[in-house]
């Protein structure tokens, strides 16, 4: 008995030691990355292969000169490895202006305590967590259908805007749908975030053959079989998300743990269609069939799905009617200094990367993806808005 008690106390002690060690490392990163000009760096709220996400709290939130909200999400990485986040900033600049897409408030370079330069992307904070958190809390029972309909409408409105601007998200899933507090009634609005894997629609494919980006469980058949990811692939992901919200389980859920290859095989199999639960309403099943058609031509668009009977009769949410009090702003740091590019962007044209995230997301891409962006406006072009204001000069006679 004494031995068991001693063993238990040792295990508890080890756990406490590991927790303290983990907390210490997080504190080191927090302190090491430095604070912004007008904000303090708070606790780590997310981590991935791109870097870390921190809470950002304004130093003087009551100041009338603040352009930022009191709390932000700050996505950070050392400049030398921040290419992915900088590309995300470029995408967000090109799709700004939709209340169902996470806002980007700017970018800023901070200096770490060891002298390293840290790139920071300042984003809207989802205080309600993610849709994945909400689904998990349902303990496998799913969300009420009314809530699902409201969230689905918000996601589709955001997606309609993204597609209209000529982009494909490529990694739409519950983890990338954030719940942002509505200051009016305390409810949460669903907003699409994380554009690290987004691409231009009709983007030229690289020469190295088949590749896809995103999370296997939410990939479309054409992405798995042919490496094609265009707007219909995002619609397929919407079907996966809505099904998961309604049932509390992923679309390709199995009692046995499936490896990535098994999941991809099921998705790509032409004869196997996703199983839609009979417990879902008739309108809900019809909606899912419009999203989850294996034939791209039969899949509905975001605009068509917004007119589907499944989404009719909903009360208008404030997010679509009320302008946010914190408009998207251009960070003064980005205006007064030239863009900082990382060493990642100097690789050869034919090189391709395959990356995976700790949450299971993975993607492959080549420098051809970046080459196709040449037709876009340059990074500096996002500041051309400053040129639309006329400047009046008084010139003395005779000069």
Protein backbone atom coordinates (compact mmCIF):
# COMPACT_ATOMS: atom_id res chain seq x y z
CA UNK A 1 0.00 0.00 0.00
CA UNK A 2 2.83 2.35 0.92
CA UNK A 3 4.59 1.56 -2.35
CA UNK A 4 1.42 2.36 -4.37
CA UNK A 5 0.95 5.65 -2.55
CA UNK A 6 4.58 6.55 -3.12
CA UNK A 7 4.29 5.67 -6.82
CA UNK A 8 1.14 7.75 -7.19
CA UNK A 9 2.75 10.76 -5.52
CA UNK A 10 5.77 10.43 -7.81
CA UNK A 11 3.52 10.40 -10.87
CA UNK A 12 1.64 13.46 -9.66
CA UNK A 13 4.93 15.18 -8.97
CA UNK A 14 6.18 14.35 -12.47
CA UNK A 15 2.96 15.74 -13.98
CA UNK A 16 3.28 18.98 -12.04
CA UNK A 17 6.93 19.24 -13.08
CA UNK A 18 6.02 18.72 -16.77
CA UNK A 19 3.21 21.29 -16.57
CA UNK A 20 5.53 23.82 -14.96
CA UNK A 21 8.20 23.10 -17.57
CA UNK A 22 5.67 23.58 -20.38
CA UNK A 23 4.40 26.80 -18.82
CA UNK A 24 7.96 28.02 -18.46
CA UNK A 25 8.68 27.43 -22.15
CA UNK A 26 5.55 29.34 -23.15
CA UNK A 27 6.55 32.23 -20.93
CA UNK A 28 10.00 32.23 -22.54
CA UNK A 29 8.46 32.50 -26.02
CA UNK A 30 6.06 35.20 -24.85
CA UNK A 31 8.84 37.32 -23.35
CA UNK A 32 11.30 36.50 -26.15
CA UNK A 33 9.05 37.79 -28.96
CA UNK A 34 8.57 41.24 -27.45
CA UNK A 35 5.58 43.59 -27.31
CA UNK A 36 4.15 45.83 -30.02
CA UNK A 37 4.15 49.62 -30.09
CA UNK A 38 0.59 49.84 -28.74
CA UNK A 39 -0.07 46.33 -27.40
CA UNK A 40 1.25 43.84 -24.85
CA UNK A 41 1.83 40.20 -25.77
CA UNK A 42 -0.40 37.91 -23.70
CA UNK A 43 -0.75 34.15 -23.31
CA UNK A 44 -0.30 31.63 -26.13
CA UNK A 45 -3.71 30.56 -27.48
CA UNK A 46 -2.56 28.50 -30.46
CA UNK A 47 0.45 26.87 -32.02
CA UNK A 48 1.28 25.38 -35.42
CA UNK A 49 4.04 24.88 -37.94
CA UNK A 50 3.71 28.57 -38.90
CA UNK A 51 4.54 29.81 -35.38
CA UNK A 52 2.38 30.79 -32.39
CA UNK A 53 -0.81 32.76 -31.78
CA UNK A 54 -0.93 35.04 -28.75
CA UNK A 55 -3.49 37.28 -27.13
CA UNK A 56 -2.67 40.91 -27.78
CA UNK A 57 -3.91 43.46 -25.23
CA UNK A 58 -3.81 47.19 -25.89
CA UNK A 59 -1.54 49.20 -23.59
CA UNK A 60 -4.07 52.03 -23.41
CA UNK A 61 -7.48 50.66 -24.49
CA UNK A 62 -9.33 53.83 -23.41
CA UNK A 63 -7.35 56.10 -25.71
CA UNK A 64 -9.49 57.72 -28.39
CA UNK A 65 -6.60 57.46 -30.84
CA UNK A 66 -6.58 53.66 -30.88
CA UNK A 67 -7.40 52.04 -34.21
CA UNK A 68 -7.27 48.52 -32.75
CA UNK A 69 -9.84 46.67 -30.61
CA UNK A 70 -8.90 46.12 -26.92
CA UNK A 71 -8.05 42.44 -27.54
CA UNK A 72 -6.56 40.89 -30.67
CA UNK A 73 -5.12 37.58 -31.78
CA UNK A 74 -1.47 38.01 -32.77
CA UNK A 75 0.01 35.38 -35.09
CA UNK A 76 3.80 35.49 -34.76
CA UNK A 77 6.95 33.91 -36.16
CA UNK A 78 10.55 34.97 -36.54
CA UNK A 79 10.95 36.93 -39.77
CA UNK A 80 13.26 34.32 -41.27
CA UNK A 81 10.47 31.70 -41.19
CA UNK A 82 7.42 33.95 -41.55
CA UNK A 83 6.82 33.50 -45.28
CA UNK A 84 3.57 31.57 -44.71
CA UNK A 85 2.12 34.28 -42.45
CA UNK A 86 3.17 37.05 -44.84
CA UNK A 87 1.40 35.25 -47.70
CA UNK A 88 -1.68 34.96 -45.47
CA UNK A 89 -1.55 38.74 -44.92
CA UNK A 90 -1.50 39.32 -48.68
CA UNK A 91 -4.56 37.11 -49.16
CA UNK A 92 -6.44 38.84 -46.32
CA UNK A 93 -5.69 42.25 -47.84
CA UNK A 94 -7.23 41.10 -51.11
CA UNK A 95 -10.43 39.71 -49.54
CA UNK A 96 -11.05 42.37 -46.89
CA UNK A 97 -14.51 43.84 -46.47
CA UNK A 98 -16.74 40.94 -45.36
CA UNK A 99 -18.24 40.66 -41.88
CA UNK A 100 -18.13 36.84 -42.04
CA UNK A 101 -14.37 36.72 -42.54
CA UNK A 102 -11.90 37.33 -39.70
CA UNK A 103 -10.55 40.89 -39.90
CA UNK A 104 -6.88 41.70 -40.26
CA UNK A 105 -5.85 44.91 -38.47
CA UNK A 106 -2.30 45.11 -39.77
CA UNK A 107 1.18 43.75 -39.35
CA UNK A 108 4.07 44.76 -37.14
CA UNK A 109 7.70 43.82 -36.57
CA UNK A 110 8.79 43.44 -32.95
CA UNK A 111 12.26 42.90 -31.57
CA UNK A 112 12.85 39.90 -29.35
CA UNK A 113 15.02 40.04 -26.27
CA UNK A 114 17.75 38.12 -28.09
CA UNK A 115 17.76 40.63 -30.93
CA UNK A 116 15.68 38.51 -33.34
CA UNK A 117 13.08 40.21 -35.54
CA UNK A 118 9.57 38.82 -35.15
CA UNK A 119 6.79 39.21 -37.71
CA UNK A 120 3.31 39.72 -36.19
CA UNK A 121 -0.06 39.53 -37.93
CA UNK A 122 -2.78 41.35 -35.95
CA UNK A 123 -6.14 39.60 -36.27
CA UNK A 124 -9.67 39.72 -34.90
CA UNK A 125 -10.01 37.62 -31.75
CA UNK A 126 -12.62 34.86 -31.54
CA UNK A 127 -13.49 34.88 -27.85
CA UNK A 128 -16.01 32.05 -28.35
CA UNK A 129 -13.33 29.66 -29.56
CA UNK A 130 -13.90 27.64 -32.72
CA UNK A 131 -16.76 25.68 -34.20
CA UNK A 132 -14.71 22.56 -33.43
CA UNK A 133 -14.78 23.46 -29.71
CA UNK A 134 -18.56 23.88 -29.85
CA UNK A 135 -19.07 20.54 -31.60
CA UNK A 136 -16.81 18.81 -29.08
CA UNK A 137 -18.92 20.16 -26.22
CA UNK A 138 -21.98 18.43 -27.69
CA UNK A 139 -20.42 15.06 -26.71
CA UNK A 140 -21.23 13.45 -30.04
CA UNK A 141 -24.88 14.57 -30.08
CA UNK A 142 -24.47 17.50 -32.46
CA UNK A 143 -25.83 21.06 -32.28
CA UNK A 144 -29.47 22.16 -32.46
CA UNK A 145 -30.55 22.42 -36.10
CA UNK A 146 -31.44 26.11 -35.74
CA UNK A 147 -27.89 26.90 -34.61
CA UNK A 148 -26.46 24.81 -37.45
CA UNK A 149 -28.53 26.74 -39.98
CA UNK A 150 -27.32 30.09 -38.61
CA UNK A 151 -23.66 29.03 -38.62
CA UNK A 152 -24.00 27.52 -42.10
CA UNK A 153 -25.44 30.78 -43.44
CA UNK A 154 -22.56 32.79 -41.93
CA UNK A 155 -19.94 30.42 -43.38
CA UNK A 156 -21.55 30.54 -46.83
CA UNK A 157 -21.71 34.34 -46.79
CA UNK A 158 -18.02 34.48 -45.99
CA UNK A 159 -17.26 31.86 -48.64
CA UNK A 160 -19.33 33.67 -51.26
CA UNK A 161 -17.20 36.77 -50.68
CA UNK A 162 -13.93 34.80 -50.79
CA UNK A 163 -14.90 33.15 -54.09
CA UNK A 164 -16.08 36.47 -55.54
CA UNK A 165 -12.62 37.92 -54.84
CA UNK A 166 -11.09 35.06 -56.82
CA UNK A 167 -9.76 32.88 -53.99
CA UNK A 168 -10.24 29.32 -52.74
CA UNK A 169 -9.79 28.74 -48.99
CA UNK A 170 -8.59 25.11 -49.36
CA UNK A 171 -8.66 24.31 -45.62
CA UNK A 172 -12.21 24.98 -44.50
CA UNK A 173 -13.00 22.95 -41.36
CA UNK A 174 -14.56 23.54 -37.90
CA UNK A 175 -11.16 24.48 -36.43
CA UNK A 176 -10.89 27.37 -38.92
CA UNK A 177 -14.34 28.82 -38.22
CA UNK A 178 -14.04 31.20 -35.27
CA UNK A 179 -16.84 32.44 -33.04
CA UNK A 180 -16.59 36.18 -32.53
CA UNK A 181 -18.60 37.88 -29.81
CA UNK A 182 -21.40 40.17 -30.90
CA UNK A 183 -21.13 43.21 -28.63
CA UNK A 184 -24.85 43.96 -28.95
CA UNK A 185 -26.50 40.84 -27.59
CA UNK A 186 -23.62 38.69 -26.35
CA UNK A 187 -24.16 36.03 -29.05
CA UNK A 188 -21.41 34.75 -31.32
CA UNK A 189 -21.03 35.17 -35.07
CA UNK A 190 -19.20 32.55 -37.13
CA UNK A 191 -16.30 33.90 -39.18
CA UNK A 192 -13.88 32.15 -41.52
CA UNK A 193 -10.22 32.41 -40.55
CA UNK A 194 -6.77 30.93 -41.26
CA UNK A 195 -5.91 31.69 -44.88
CA UNK A 196 -2.46 30.15 -44.72
CA UNK A 197 -3.31 27.60 -47.43
CA UNK A 198 -5.59 29.79 -49.58
CA UNK A 199 -4.88 30.05 -53.30
CA UNK A 200 -6.06 31.93 -56.35
CA UNK A 201 -8.90 30.27 -58.24
CA UNK A 202 -7.85 28.80 -61.61
CA UNK A 203 -4.25 28.99 -60.48
CA UNK A 204 -1.79 27.24 -62.77
CA UNK A 205 -0.78 23.85 -61.36
CA UNK A 206 2.88 23.12 -60.77
CA UNK A 207 4.83 20.79 -63.02
CA UNK A 208 5.54 18.20 -60.37
CA UNK A 209 2.23 16.38 -60.63
CA UNK A 210 -0.61 15.70 -58.19
CA UNK A 211 -0.70 17.59 -54.93
CA UNK A 212 -3.31 19.02 -52.58
CA UNK A 213 -3.48 21.27 -49.55
CA UNK A 214 -5.72 21.08 -46.51
CA UNK A 215 -6.95 18.50 -43.98
CA UNK A 216 -7.69 14.99 -45.34
CA UNK A 217 -11.08 14.59 -43.60
CA UNK A 218 -12.46 17.68 -45.42
CA UNK A 219 -10.92 17.17 -48.88
CA UNK A 220 -13.16 16.82 -51.92
CA UNK A 221 -12.99 13.82 -54.30
CA UNK A 222 -11.47 15.91 -57.11
CA UNK A 223 -8.75 17.18 -54.77
CA UNK A 224 -7.83 13.62 -53.75
CA UNK A 225 -8.03 12.10 -57.24
CA UNK A 226 -6.76 14.91 -59.45
CA UNK A 227 -5.27 17.59 -57.19
CA UNK A 228 -7.99 20.05 -58.29
CA UNK A 229 -9.02 22.62 -55.67
CA UNK A 230 -11.37 25.27 -56.97
CA UNK A 231 -14.47 26.87 -55.35
CA UNK A 232 -16.50 23.59 -55.50
CA UNK A 233 -13.88 22.00 -53.21
CA UNK A 234 -14.75 24.58 -50.53
CA UNK A 235 -18.45 23.76 -50.98
CA UNK A 236 -17.69 20.08 -50.33
CA UNK A 237 -15.96 21.15 -47.10
CA UNK A 238 -19.08 23.13 -46.10
CA UNK A 239 -21.08 19.90 -46.46
CA UNK A 240 -18.59 18.10 -44.22
CA UNK A 241 -18.83 20.87 -41.60
CA UNK A 242 -22.65 21.02 -41.62
CA UNK A 243 -22.89 17.23 -41.34
CA UNK A 244 -20.47 17.30 -38.40
CA UNK A 245 -22.46 20.06 -36.68
CA UNK A 246 -25.71 18.11 -37.07
CA UNK A 247 -24.40 14.69 -36.00
CA UNK A 248 -21.50 15.60 -33.70
CA UNK A 249 -19.21 13.31 -35.73
CA UNK A 250 -17.00 13.81 -38.82
CA UNK A 251 -18.56 12.87 -42.15
CA UNK A 252 -16.17 9.93 -42.64
CA UNK A 253 -16.39 8.84 -39.01
CA UNK A 254 -15.57 5.22 -38.28
CA UNK A 255 -15.60 3.26 -35.05
CA UNK A 256 -12.14 2.07 -36.04
CA UNK A 257 -9.40 4.68 -36.27
CA UNK A 258 -8.63 5.29 -39.94
CA UNK A 259 -5.20 6.33 -41.14
CA UNK A 260 -4.83 9.17 -43.64
CA UNK A 261 -4.49 6.83 -46.63
CA UNK A 262 -7.71 5.00 -45.69
CA UNK A 263 -9.63 8.29 -45.38
CA UNK A 264 -8.32 9.50 -48.74
CA UNK A 265 -9.21 6.16 -50.33
CA UNK A 266 -12.83 6.42 -49.12
CA UNK A 267 -13.15 10.02 -50.32
CA UNK A 268 -11.67 9.26 -53.73
CA UNK A 269 -13.69 6.08 -54.32
CA UNK A 270 -16.20 6.92 -57.07
CA UNK A 271 -18.74 4.32 -55.98
CA UNK A 272 -18.80 5.31 -52.29
CA UNK A 273 -20.93 8.30 -51.35
CA UNK A 274 -20.97 9.92 -47.90
CA UNK A 275 -23.58 8.56 -45.54
CA UNK A 276 -26.16 11.21 -44.61
CA UNK A 277 -27.97 10.48 -41.35
CA UNK A 278 -31.71 9.77 -41.61
CA UNK A 279 -32.19 11.76 -38.37
CA UNK A 280 -31.51 14.99 -40.24
CA UNK A 281 -34.54 16.93 -41.52
CA UNK A 282 -35.61 16.63 -45.17
CA UNK A 283 -34.36 20.15 -45.92
CA UNK A 284 -31.08 19.36 -44.17
CA UNK A 285 -30.52 16.20 -46.20
CA UNK A 286 -31.31 18.06 -49.42
CA UNK A 287 -28.83 20.80 -48.45
CA UNK A 288 -26.08 18.24 -47.77
CA UNK A 289 -26.71 16.48 -51.09
CA UNK A 290 -26.21 19.84 -52.81
CA UNK A 291 -22.80 20.17 -51.11
CA UNK A 292 -21.62 16.56 -51.28
CA UNK A 293 -22.24 15.61 -54.88
CA UNK A 294 -19.16 13.78 -56.16
CA UNK A 295 -19.75 15.34 -59.60
CA UNK A 296 -18.45 18.91 -59.53
CA UNK A 297 -21.05 20.09 -62.06
CA UNK A 298 -23.87 18.93 -59.78
CA UNK A 299 -22.50 20.66 -56.69
CA UNK A 300 -24.28 23.90 -55.73
CA UNK A 301 -22.51 27.24 -55.38
CA UNK A 302 -22.41 29.34 -52.20
CA UNK A 303 -25.00 31.69 -53.71
CA UNK A 304 -27.36 28.83 -54.57
CA UNK A 305 -27.00 27.29 -51.11
CA UNK A 306 -27.86 30.61 -49.46
CA UNK A 307 -31.22 30.42 -51.26
CA UNK A 308 -31.81 26.80 -50.19
CA UNK A 309 -34.96 26.11 -48.08
CA UNK A 310 -32.70 24.83 -45.28
CA UNK A 311 -31.53 28.42 -44.67
CA UNK A 312 -34.85 30.19 -45.18
CA UNK A 313 -36.74 31.94 -42.38
CA UNK A 314 -33.72 32.76 -40.21
CA UNK A 315 -33.58 35.99 -38.25
CA UNK A 316 -31.01 38.38 -39.68
CA UNK A 317 -27.89 38.49 -37.52
CA UNK A 318 -26.24 41.75 -36.54
CA UNK A 319 -22.98 40.79 -38.22
CA UNK A 320 -24.52 41.20 -41.67
CA UNK A 321 -26.22 44.50 -40.90
CA UNK A 322 -24.07 46.43 -38.46
CA UNK A 323 -20.68 47.81 -39.40
CA UNK A 324 -17.94 46.78 -37.03
CA UNK A 325 -16.77 49.69 -34.88
CA UNK A 326 -13.16 48.68 -35.47
CA UNK A 327 -12.48 49.12 -39.17
CA UNK A 328 -9.59 47.34 -40.84
CA UNK A 329 -6.58 49.62 -40.70
CA UNK A 330 -3.17 49.85 -42.27
CA UNK A 331 -0.42 49.44 -39.73
CA UNK A 332 1.92 52.42 -39.69
CA UNK A 333 4.88 50.02 -39.62
CA UNK A 334 3.93 48.63 -43.02
CA UNK A 335 3.63 52.11 -44.50
CA UNK A 336 6.90 53.55 -43.30
CA UNK A 337 9.06 50.54 -44.06
CA UNK A 338 9.43 48.21 -47.02
CA UNK A 339 7.91 44.71 -46.70
CA UNK A 340 10.10 42.15 -44.97
CA UNK A 341 10.48 38.88 -46.85
CA UNK A 342 11.82 35.70 -45.39
CA UNK A 343 14.47 33.37 -46.67
CA UNK A 344 11.69 30.93 -47.61
CA UNK A 345 10.93 32.91 -50.76
CA UNK A 346 14.34 32.39 -52.35
CA UNK A 347 13.89 28.72 -53.24
CA UNK A 348 14.12 27.28 -56.75
CA UNK A 349 11.02 27.28 -58.98
CA UNK A 350 10.73 23.49 -59.18
CA UNK A 351 11.04 22.75 -55.49
CA UNK A 352 7.93 21.47 -53.71
CA UNK A 353 7.22 21.30 -50.00
CA UNK A 354 5.01 18.86 -48.08
CA UNK A 355 4.14 20.18 -44.65
CA UNK A 356 1.94 18.89 -41.86
CA UNK A 357 0.44 20.57 -38.83
CA UNK A 358 0.13 19.16 -35.35
CA UNK A 359 -3.67 19.07 -35.75
CA UNK A 360 -3.48 16.83 -38.80
CA UNK A 361 -3.56 19.53 -41.48
CA UNK A 362 -1.09 18.99 -44.25
CA UNK A 363 -0.41 20.38 -47.66
CA UNK A 364 1.97 20.26 -50.56
CA UNK A 365 2.84 23.16 -52.79
CA UNK A 366 5.49 24.34 -55.17
CA UNK A 367 7.04 27.64 -56.03
CA UNK A 368 4.70 27.57 -59.02
CA UNK A 369 1.97 28.53 -56.56
CA UNK A 370 3.89 31.71 -55.80
CA UNK A 371 4.66 32.39 -59.47
CA UNK A 372 0.97 32.54 -60.26
CA UNK A 373 0.64 35.44 -57.85
CA UNK A 374 2.69 37.62 -60.23
CA UNK A 375 -0.49 38.71 -61.96
CA UNK A 376 -1.77 40.09 -58.67
CA UNK A 377 -0.93 43.50 -57.35
CA UNK A 378 2.47 43.64 -55.69
CA UNK A 379 2.74 43.54 -51.92
CA UNK A 380 3.30 47.30 -51.86
CA UNK A 381 0.16 47.90 -53.95
CA UNK A 382 -2.03 47.37 -50.91
CA UNK A 383 -0.98 50.79 -49.74
CA UNK A 384 -1.99 52.55 -52.97
CA UNK A 385 -5.18 53.56 -51.20
CA UNK A 386 -3.13 56.37 -49.69
CA UNK A 387 -2.73 57.95 -53.13
CA UNK A 388 -6.41 58.69 -53.60
CA UNK A 389 -6.29 61.71 -51.29
CA UNK A 390 -5.35 64.89 -53.23
CA UNK A 391 -2.58 67.13 -51.93
CA UNK A 392 -2.97 70.90 -52.35
CA UNK A 393 0.16 72.99 -52.72
CA UNK A 394 0.51 76.76 -52.94
CA UNK A 395 3.18 77.81 -55.45
CA UNK A 396 4.47 81.34 -55.29
CA UNK A 397 4.16 83.45 -58.42
CA UNK A 398 7.21 83.35 -60.58
CA UNK A 399 8.50 79.99 -59.27
